[in-house]
Amino acid sequence: MQKNVVLTKEGLEKIKKELVELKEVKRKEISEKIKRALEQGDLSENAEYAQAKEEQAFLEGRILEIEAMIKNAKVIDESGRQAGYVGLGSTARVQIRNNGEVAYTIVGSSETDPSKGRISNESPMGQSLLKRKVGDCFTVKTPGGMIECKVLEIH
């Protein structure tokens, strides 16, 4: 049994669009590559054929992965979030001692993108932020050591 995949509404729509793209566009492109490679004859030394078959295997694996994510999706219900507290889907502006301010949006692990401030609810910072309110101070244990933080704002 697979566990639920926590997604925002936007995240679910994004993976649905990716699935359509993979099935309707990428499959056809790879099929054409395989067809062209087959027309070249001897497959035993045909690197283009081998590469196209590898791309096809990767594509089909990704399609299965996305289909499983959609099947097991648990969409974040932002209406049920307690006002004034950090929850899934919240964006919190945090003061990090000796490091300035940073904004984090709490999302499920399949939607993380730390470069855009999207962190998992399962990460040390994500877990520490959940159920905090403006003004709360807390400490997070990270691979780089303990860091002290304060919640400045929640959206």
N, C-alpha and C. Protein backbone atom coordinates (compact mmCIF):
# COMPACT_ATOMS: atom_id res chain seq x y z
N MET A 1 0.83 -1.19 0.00
CA MET A 1 0.00 0.00 0.00
C MET A 1 0.87 1.25 0.00
N GLN A 2 0.59 2.17 -0.92
CA GLN A 2 1.37 3.39 -0.99
C GLN A 2 0.79 4.44 -0.07
N LYS A 3 1.68 5.29 0.44
CA LYS A 3 1.20 6.35 1.32
C LYS A 3 0.64 7.50 0.48
N ASN A 4 -0.17 8.33 1.13
CA ASN A 4 -0.73 9.48 0.45
C ASN A 4 0.36 10.42 -0.01
N VAL A 5 0.12 11.06 -1.14
CA VAL A 5 1.02 12.06 -1.67
C VAL A 5 0.35 13.41 -1.42
N VAL A 6 0.95 14.21 -0.55
CA VAL A 6 0.37 15.51 -0.19
C VAL A 6 0.73 16.52 -1.29
N LEU A 7 -0.31 17.14 -1.86
CA LEU A 7 -0.12 18.11 -2.94
C LEU A 7 -1.01 19.32 -2.73
N THR A 8 -0.54 20.46 -3.23
CA THR A 8 -1.41 21.62 -3.33
C THR A 8 -2.28 21.44 -4.56
N LYS A 9 -3.35 22.23 -4.69
CA LYS A 9 -4.19 22.16 -5.90
C LYS A 9 -3.33 22.44 -7.14
N GLU A 10 -2.44 23.44 -7.01
CA GLU A 10 -1.57 23.80 -8.13
C GLU A 10 -0.63 22.66 -8.48
N GLY A 11 -0.11 22.00 -7.45
CA GLY A 11 0.80 20.87 -7.67
C GLY A 11 0.12 19.72 -8.38
N LEU A 12 -1.12 19.43 -8.00
CA LEU A 12 -1.88 18.37 -8.65
C LEU A 12 -2.12 18.71 -10.11
N GLU A 13 -2.50 19.95 -10.39
CA GLU A 13 -2.72 20.37 -11.78
C GLU A 13 -1.43 20.29 -12.59
N LYS A 14 -0.33 20.65 -11.96
CA LYS A 14 0.97 20.61 -12.65
C LYS A 14 1.33 19.18 -13.06
N ILE A 15 1.15 18.21 -12.15
CA ILE A 15 1.52 16.84 -12.53
C ILE A 15 0.52 16.25 -13.52
N LYS A 16 -0.74 16.68 -13.47
CA LYS A 16 -1.71 16.23 -14.47
C LYS A 16 -1.31 16.73 -15.86
N LYS A 17 -0.88 17.99 -15.93
CA LYS A 17 -0.42 18.54 -17.21
C LYS A 17 0.82 17.81 -17.71
N GLU A 18 1.73 17.51 -16.78
CA GLU A 18 2.93 16.76 -17.16
C GLU A 18 2.56 15.40 -17.72
N LEU A 19 1.59 14.73 -17.09
CA LEU A 19 1.16 13.41 -17.55
C LEU A 19 0.60 13.49 -18.97
N VAL A 20 -0.22 14.48 -19.24
CA VAL A 20 -0.78 14.66 -20.59
C VAL A 20 0.35 14.89 -21.59
N GLU A 21 1.30 15.75 -21.23
CA GLU A 21 2.45 16.04 -22.10
C GLU A 21 3.24 14.76 -22.39
N LEU A 22 3.51 13.98 -21.36
CA LEU A 22 4.29 12.76 -21.54
C LEU A 22 3.56 11.76 -22.43
N LYS A 23 2.27 11.59 -22.19
CA LYS A 23 1.51 10.60 -22.94
C LYS A 23 1.22 11.04 -24.38
N GLU A 24 0.89 12.31 -24.56
CA GLU A 24 0.45 12.76 -25.88
C GLU A 24 1.56 13.32 -26.77
N VAL A 25 2.63 13.81 -26.18
CA VAL A 25 3.69 14.42 -26.97
C VAL A 25 4.98 13.58 -26.93
N LYS A 26 5.48 13.36 -25.72
CA LYS A 26 6.77 12.69 -25.58
C LYS A 26 6.74 11.25 -26.09
N ARG A 27 5.64 10.53 -25.83
CA ARG A 27 5.54 9.15 -26.33
C ARG A 27 5.67 9.13 -27.85
N LYS A 28 5.00 10.06 -28.52
CA LYS A 28 5.05 10.11 -29.99
C LYS A 28 6.46 10.45 -30.47
N GLU A 29 7.12 11.39 -29.79
CA GLU A 29 8.48 11.77 -30.17
C GLU A 29 9.43 10.57 -30.06
N ILE A 30 9.34 9.86 -28.98
CA ILE A 30 10.23 8.71 -28.78
C ILE A 30 9.88 7.59 -29.75
N SER A 31 8.61 7.40 -30.02
CA SER A 31 8.20 6.40 -31.00
C SER A 31 8.80 6.71 -32.37
N GLU A 32 8.82 7.98 -32.74
CA GLU A 32 9.43 8.39 -34.01
C GLU A 32 10.94 8.13 -34.02
N LYS A 33 11.60 8.41 -32.89
CA LYS A 33 13.04 8.15 -32.78
C LYS A 33 13.32 6.66 -32.97
N ILE A 34 12.51 5.83 -32.34
CA ILE A 34 12.71 4.37 -32.45
C ILE A 34 12.47 3.94 -33.90
N LYS A 35 11.44 4.48 -34.52
CA LYS A 35 11.12 4.14 -35.91
C LYS A 35 12.29 4.50 -36.84
N ARG A 36 12.84 5.71 -36.66
CA ARG A 36 13.98 6.14 -37.49
C ARG A 36 15.20 5.24 -37.26
N ALA A 37 15.42 4.89 -36.01
CA ALA A 37 16.57 4.04 -35.69
C ALA A 37 16.39 2.65 -36.29
N LEU A 38 15.17 2.12 -36.28
CA LEU A 38 14.91 0.80 -36.87
C LEU A 38 15.15 0.79 -38.37
N GLU A 39 14.89 1.93 -39.00
CA GLU A 39 15.08 2.03 -40.45
C GLU A 39 16.56 1.98 -40.83
N GLN A 40 17.44 2.21 -39.88
CA GLN A 40 18.88 2.19 -40.16
C GLN A 40 19.43 0.77 -40.22
N GLY A 41 18.64 -0.21 -39.87
CA GLY A 41 19.09 -1.59 -40.00
C GLY A 41 19.61 -2.19 -38.71
N ASP A 42 20.83 -2.75 -38.77
CA ASP A 42 21.44 -3.52 -37.69
C ASP A 42 21.31 -2.83 -36.32
N LEU A 43 20.52 -3.44 -35.44
CA LEU A 43 20.26 -2.87 -34.14
C LEU A 43 21.38 -3.16 -33.13
N SER A 44 22.20 -4.16 -33.40
CA SER A 44 23.22 -4.55 -32.43
C SER A 44 24.26 -3.45 -32.20
N GLU A 45 24.47 -2.61 -33.20
CA GLU A 45 25.46 -1.53 -33.04
C GLU A 45 24.82 -0.16 -33.25
N ASN A 46 23.54 -0.07 -33.02
CA ASN A 46 22.80 1.15 -33.27
C ASN A 46 22.60 1.92 -31.96
N ALA A 47 23.48 2.88 -31.72
CA ALA A 47 23.44 3.66 -30.48
C ALA A 47 22.17 4.51 -30.41
N GLU A 48 21.70 4.99 -31.54
CA GLU A 48 20.49 5.81 -31.57
C GLU A 48 19.28 4.99 -31.10
N TYR A 49 19.21 3.73 -31.52
CA TYR A 49 18.12 2.85 -31.10
C TYR A 49 18.21 2.59 -29.60
N ALA A 50 19.40 2.28 -29.11
CA ALA A 50 19.59 1.99 -27.69
C ALA A 50 19.21 3.20 -26.84
N GLN A 51 19.60 4.38 -27.29
CA GLN A 51 19.28 5.60 -26.55
C GLN A 51 17.77 5.85 -26.54
N ALA A 52 17.12 5.65 -27.69
CA ALA A 52 15.67 5.86 -27.78
C ALA A 52 14.92 4.87 -26.89
N LYS A 53 15.37 3.62 -26.84
CA LYS A 53 14.73 2.63 -25.98
C LYS A 53 14.94 2.98 -24.50
N GLU A 54 16.10 3.53 -24.17
CA GLU A 54 16.36 3.96 -22.79
C GLU A 54 15.44 5.13 -22.43
N GLU A 55 15.29 6.08 -23.34
CA GLU A 55 14.38 7.21 -23.12
C GLU A 55 12.95 6.71 -22.93
N GLN A 56 12.57 5.72 -23.72
CA GLN A 56 11.23 5.16 -23.63
C GLN A 56 11.00 4.52 -22.26
N ALA A 57 11.97 3.78 -21.77
CA ALA A 57 11.85 3.14 -20.46
C ALA A 57 11.74 4.18 -19.36
N PHE A 58 12.54 5.24 -19.44
CA PHE A 58 12.48 6.31 -18.45
C PHE A 58 11.11 6.99 -18.49
N LEU A 59 10.63 7.28 -19.69
CA LEU A 59 9.34 7.93 -19.87
C LEU A 59 8.21 7.09 -19.27
N GLU A 60 8.20 5.81 -19.58
CA GLU A 60 7.13 4.94 -19.06
C GLU A 60 7.20 4.84 -17.54
N GLY A 61 8.41 4.85 -16.99
CA GLY A 61 8.57 4.84 -15.53
C GLY A 61 8.01 6.11 -14.92
N ARG A 62 8.27 7.25 -15.54
CA ARG A 62 7.77 8.52 -15.04
C ARG A 62 6.24 8.57 -15.14
N ILE A 63 5.69 8.05 -16.22
CA ILE A 63 4.23 8.01 -16.37
C ILE A 63 3.61 7.19 -15.24
N LEU A 64 4.17 6.03 -14.96
CA LEU A 64 3.66 5.19 -13.86
C LEU A 64 3.77 5.91 -12.52
N GLU A 65 4.89 6.61 -12.32
CA GLU A 65 5.10 7.36 -11.07
C GLU A 65 4.04 8.45 -10.90
N ILE A 66 3.78 9.21 -11.96
CA ILE A 66 2.79 10.29 -11.90
C ILE A 66 1.39 9.72 -11.70
N GLU A 67 1.07 8.64 -12.40
CA GLU A 67 -0.25 8.03 -12.23
C GLU A 67 -0.46 7.57 -10.79
N ALA A 68 0.58 7.02 -10.17
CA ALA A 68 0.49 6.59 -8.77
C ALA A 68 0.33 7.81 -7.86
N MET A 69 1.04 8.90 -8.16
CA MET A 69 0.91 10.12 -7.36
C MET A 69 -0.52 10.65 -7.42
N ILE A 70 -1.09 10.67 -8.61
CA ILE A 70 -2.45 11.18 -8.78
C ILE A 70 -3.44 10.28 -8.04
N LYS A 71 -3.25 8.98 -8.18
CA LYS A 71 -4.13 8.02 -7.52
C LYS A 71 -4.10 8.18 -5.99
N ASN A 72 -2.92 8.48 -5.45
CA ASN A 72 -2.75 8.58 -4.00
C ASN A 72 -2.69 10.01 -3.50
N ALA A 73 -3.12 10.96 -4.35
CA ALA A 73 -3.03 12.37 -3.99
C ALA A 73 -3.99 12.73 -2.86
N LYS A 74 -3.45 13.49 -1.94
CA LYS A 74 -4.26 14.09 -0.87
C LYS A 74 -4.04 15.59 -1.03
N VAL A 75 -5.03 16.27 -1.57
CA VAL A 75 -4.91 17.70 -1.85
C VAL A 75 -5.06 18.47 -0.54
N ILE A 76 -4.14 19.40 -0.34
CA ILE A 76 -4.15 20.23 0.86
C ILE A 76 -5.42 21.06 0.88
N ASP A 77 -6.18 20.93 1.95
CA ASP A 77 -7.41 21.71 2.13
C ASP A 77 -7.05 22.96 2.92
N GLU A 78 -6.80 24.03 2.20
CA GLU A 78 -6.36 25.27 2.85
C GLU A 78 -7.48 25.92 3.65
N SER A 79 -8.73 25.58 3.36
CA SER A 79 -9.83 26.17 4.12
C SER A 79 -9.88 25.62 5.54
N GLY A 80 -9.33 24.42 5.73
CA GLY A 80 -9.35 23.80 7.05
C GLY A 80 -8.18 24.20 7.93
N ARG A 81 -7.29 25.02 7.38
CA ARG A 81 -6.11 25.45 8.12
C ARG A 81 -6.52 26.45 9.19
N GLN A 82 -5.97 26.30 10.36
CA GLN A 82 -6.30 27.20 11.47
C GLN A 82 -5.69 28.57 11.21
N ALA A 83 -6.53 29.59 11.19
CA ALA A 83 -6.08 30.96 10.92
C ALA A 83 -5.01 31.37 11.92
N GLY A 84 -3.97 32.01 11.41
CA GLY A 84 -2.92 32.52 12.28
C GLY A 84 -1.83 31.53 12.59
N TYR A 85 -1.95 30.31 12.07
CA TYR A 85 -0.95 29.28 12.33
C TYR A 85 -0.40 28.74 11.02
N VAL A 86 0.85 28.30 11.05
CA VAL A 86 1.47 27.70 9.87
C VAL A 86 0.92 26.30 9.67
N GLY A 87 0.51 26.01 8.45
CA GLY A 87 0.03 24.69 8.09
C GLY A 87 0.45 24.36 6.67
N LEU A 88 0.05 23.22 6.17
CA LEU A 88 0.36 22.85 4.79
C LEU A 88 -0.24 23.90 3.86
N GLY A 89 0.55 24.39 2.94
CA GLY A 89 0.12 25.42 2.02
C GLY A 89 0.42 26.84 2.48
N SER A 90 0.80 26.99 3.75
CA SER A 90 1.13 28.33 4.28
C SER A 90 2.49 28.79 3.78
N THR A 91 2.63 30.10 3.72
CA THR A 91 3.93 30.71 3.50
C THR A 91 4.25 31.48 4.77
N ALA A 92 5.41 31.18 5.34
CA ALA A 92 5.83 31.85 6.58
C ALA A 92 7.13 32.59 6.33
N ARG A 93 7.16 33.86 6.74
CA ARG A 93 8.40 34.63 6.69
C ARG A 93 9.07 34.43 8.04
N VAL A 94 10.32 33.99 8.00
CA VAL A 94 11.04 33.58 9.20
C VAL A 94 12.35 34.36 9.34
N GLN A 95 12.63 34.83 10.54
CA GLN A 95 13.91 35.44 10.86
C GLN A 95 14.82 34.30 11.33
N ILE A 96 15.94 34.14 10.63
CA ILE A 96 16.91 33.12 11.03
C ILE A 96 18.10 33.85 11.64
N ARG A 97 18.38 33.53 12.89
CA ARG A 97 19.44 34.24 13.61
C ARG A 97 20.74 34.21 12.81
N ASN A 98 21.34 35.37 12.66
CA ASN A 98 22.61 35.56 11.94
C ASN A 98 22.52 35.25 10.45
N ASN A 99 21.31 35.11 9.91
CA ASN A 99 21.17 34.78 8.49
C ASN A 99 20.10 35.58 7.79
N GLY A 100 19.46 36.51 8.45
CA GLY A 100 18.44 37.33 7.82
C GLY A 100 17.08 36.64 7.78
N GLU A 101 16.25 37.12 6.85
CA GLU A 101 14.88 36.61 6.73
C GLU A 101 14.75 35.74 5.49
N VAL A 102 13.85 34.78 5.60
CA VAL A 102 13.57 33.90 4.46
C VAL A 102 12.09 33.53 4.52
N ALA A 103 11.49 33.32 3.34
CA ALA A 103 10.09 32.90 3.27
C ALA A 103 10.05 31.44 2.84
N TYR A 104 9.27 30.65 3.56
CA TYR A 104 9.10 29.23 3.24
C TYR A 104 7.63 28.95 3.00
N THR A 105 7.33 28.20 1.94
CA THR A 105 5.99 27.69 1.71
C THR A 105 6.04 26.21 2.04
N ILE A 106 5.13 25.77 2.91
CA ILE A 106 5.11 24.37 3.35
C ILE A 106 4.27 23.55 2.37
N VAL A 107 4.90 22.58 1.73
CA VAL A 107 4.24 21.73 0.75
C VAL A 107 4.56 20.27 1.04
N GLY A 108 3.90 19.36 0.33
CA GLY A 108 4.22 17.95 0.43
C GLY A 108 5.57 17.67 -0.20
N SER A 109 6.16 16.53 0.14
CA SER A 109 7.52 16.22 -0.30
C SER A 109 7.67 16.15 -1.82
N SER A 110 6.60 15.83 -2.55
CA SER A 110 6.71 15.73 -4.01
C SER A 110 6.73 17.09 -4.69
N GLU A 111 6.45 18.16 -3.96
CA GLU A 111 6.42 19.50 -4.55
C GLU A 111 7.57 20.39 -4.10
N THR A 112 8.49 19.86 -3.36
CA THR A 112 9.55 20.70 -2.81
C THR A 112 10.42 21.30 -3.91
N ASP A 113 10.86 22.51 -3.65
CA ASP A 113 11.80 23.21 -4.51
C ASP A 113 12.47 24.26 -3.63
N PRO A 114 13.50 23.85 -2.88
CA PRO A 114 14.14 24.77 -1.93
C PRO A 114 14.63 26.07 -2.57
N SER A 115 15.01 26.02 -3.84
CA SER A 115 15.48 27.25 -4.49
C SER A 115 14.37 28.28 -4.62
N LYS A 116 13.11 27.84 -4.53
CA LYS A 116 11.97 28.74 -4.60
C LYS A 116 11.28 28.88 -3.24
N GLY A 117 11.94 28.37 -2.19
CA GLY A 117 11.39 28.49 -0.85
C GLY A 117 10.28 27.50 -0.54
N ARG A 118 10.09 26.49 -1.38
CA ARG A 118 9.05 25.48 -1.18
C ARG A 118 9.69 24.29 -0.46
N ILE A 119 9.37 24.13 0.83
CA ILE A 119 9.98 23.06 1.61
C ILE A 119 8.93 22.05 2.06
N SER A 120 9.40 20.83 2.27
CA SER A 120 8.52 19.74 2.66
C SER A 120 8.06 19.86 4.11
N ASN A 121 6.84 19.44 4.34
CA ASN A 121 6.33 19.36 5.70
C ASN A 121 7.07 18.30 6.50
N GLU A 122 7.85 17.45 5.83
CA GLU A 122 8.61 16.39 6.48
C GLU A 122 10.05 16.81 6.77
N SER A 123 10.50 17.95 6.23
CA SER A 123 11.86 18.42 6.46
C SER A 123 11.99 18.96 7.88
N PRO A 124 13.21 19.06 8.41
CA PRO A 124 13.36 19.60 9.76
C PRO A 124 12.74 20.99 9.92
N MET A 125 12.97 21.89 8.97
CA MET A 125 12.40 23.23 9.06
C MET A 125 10.88 23.17 8.90
N GLY A 126 10.40 22.38 7.94
CA GLY A 126 8.97 22.26 7.73
C GLY A 126 8.25 21.73 8.96
N GLN A 127 8.80 20.69 9.57
CA GLN A 127 8.20 20.13 10.78
C GLN A 127 8.20 21.15 11.92
N SER A 128 9.30 21.89 12.02
CA SER A 128 9.41 22.87 13.10
C SER A 128 8.45 24.04 12.92
N LEU A 129 8.13 24.38 11.68
CA LEU A 129 7.24 25.51 11.41
C LEU A 129 5.76 25.18 11.60
N LEU A 130 5.38 23.93 11.37
CA LEU A 130 3.97 23.56 11.47
C LEU A 130 3.40 23.91 12.83
N LYS A 131 2.21 24.50 12.80
CA LYS A 131 1.44 24.89 14.00
C LYS A 131 2.07 26.05 14.78
N ARG A 132 3.04 26.75 14.18
CA ARG A 132 3.60 27.95 14.82
C ARG A 132 2.73 29.15 14.46
N LYS A 133 2.85 30.20 15.30
CA LYS A 133 2.14 31.44 15.02
C LYS A 133 3.16 32.59 15.01
N VAL A 134 2.73 33.74 14.54
CA VAL A 134 3.60 34.91 14.48
C VAL A 134 4.14 35.19 15.88
N GLY A 135 5.45 35.41 15.95
CA GLY A 135 6.11 35.70 17.21
C GLY A 135 6.76 34.49 17.86
N ASP A 136 6.36 33.28 17.43
CA ASP A 136 6.96 32.07 18.01
C ASP A 136 8.44 31.98 17.67
N CYS A 137 9.23 31.63 18.67
CA CYS A 137 10.66 31.36 18.48
C CYS A 137 10.87 29.86 18.62
N PHE A 138 11.77 29.32 17.82
CA PHE A 138 12.03 27.89 17.88
C PHE A 138 13.45 27.61 17.37
N THR A 139 13.92 26.41 17.67
CA THR A 139 15.24 25.97 17.23
C THR A 139 15.07 24.77 16.32
N VAL A 140 15.84 24.74 15.24
CA VAL A 140 15.77 23.64 14.28
C VAL A 140 17.13 22.96 14.21
N LYS A 141 17.11 21.64 14.30
CA LYS A 141 18.34 20.86 14.16
C LYS A 141 18.51 20.56 12.67
N THR A 142 19.61 21.06 12.10
CA THR A 142 19.90 20.84 10.68
C THR A 142 21.24 20.13 10.57
N PRO A 143 21.57 19.63 9.39
CA PRO A 143 22.89 18.99 9.22
C PRO A 143 24.04 19.95 9.54
N GLY A 144 23.79 21.26 9.39
CA GLY A 144 24.82 22.26 9.69
C GLY A 144 24.83 22.70 11.13
N GLY A 145 23.96 22.14 11.95
CA GLY A 145 23.89 22.50 13.36
C GLY A 145 22.55 23.10 13.72
N MET A 146 22.43 23.54 14.94
CA MET A 146 21.17 24.11 15.43
C MET A 146 21.05 25.56 14.95
N ILE A 147 19.85 25.94 14.52
CA ILE A 147 19.60 27.32 14.13
C ILE A 147 18.38 27.85 14.88
N GLU A 148 18.46 29.10 15.30
CA GLU A 148 17.36 29.73 16.02
C GLU A 148 16.55 30.56 15.04
N CYS A 149 15.22 30.45 15.16
CA CYS A 149 14.32 31.09 14.23
C CYS A 149 13.17 31.77 14.96
N LYS A 150 12.54 32.71 14.25
CA LYS A 150 11.35 33.38 14.77
C LYS A 150 10.39 33.61 13.61
N VAL A 151 9.11 33.28 13.81
CA VAL A 151 8.08 33.50 12.79
C VAL A 151 7.71 34.97 12.79
N LEU A 152 7.85 35.62 11.63
CA LEU A 152 7.55 37.04 11.49
C LEU A 152 6.18 37.30 10.87
N GLU A 153 5.79 36.42 9.95
CA GLU A 153 4.56 36.65 9.19
C GLU A 153 4.08 35.33 8.60
N ILE A 154 2.76 35.18 8.47
CA ILE A 154 2.18 33.97 7.90
C ILE A 154 1.13 34.37 6.86
N HIS A 155 1.19 33.72 5.70
CA HIS A 155 0.19 33.95 4.63
C HIS A 155 -0.45 32.64 4.30
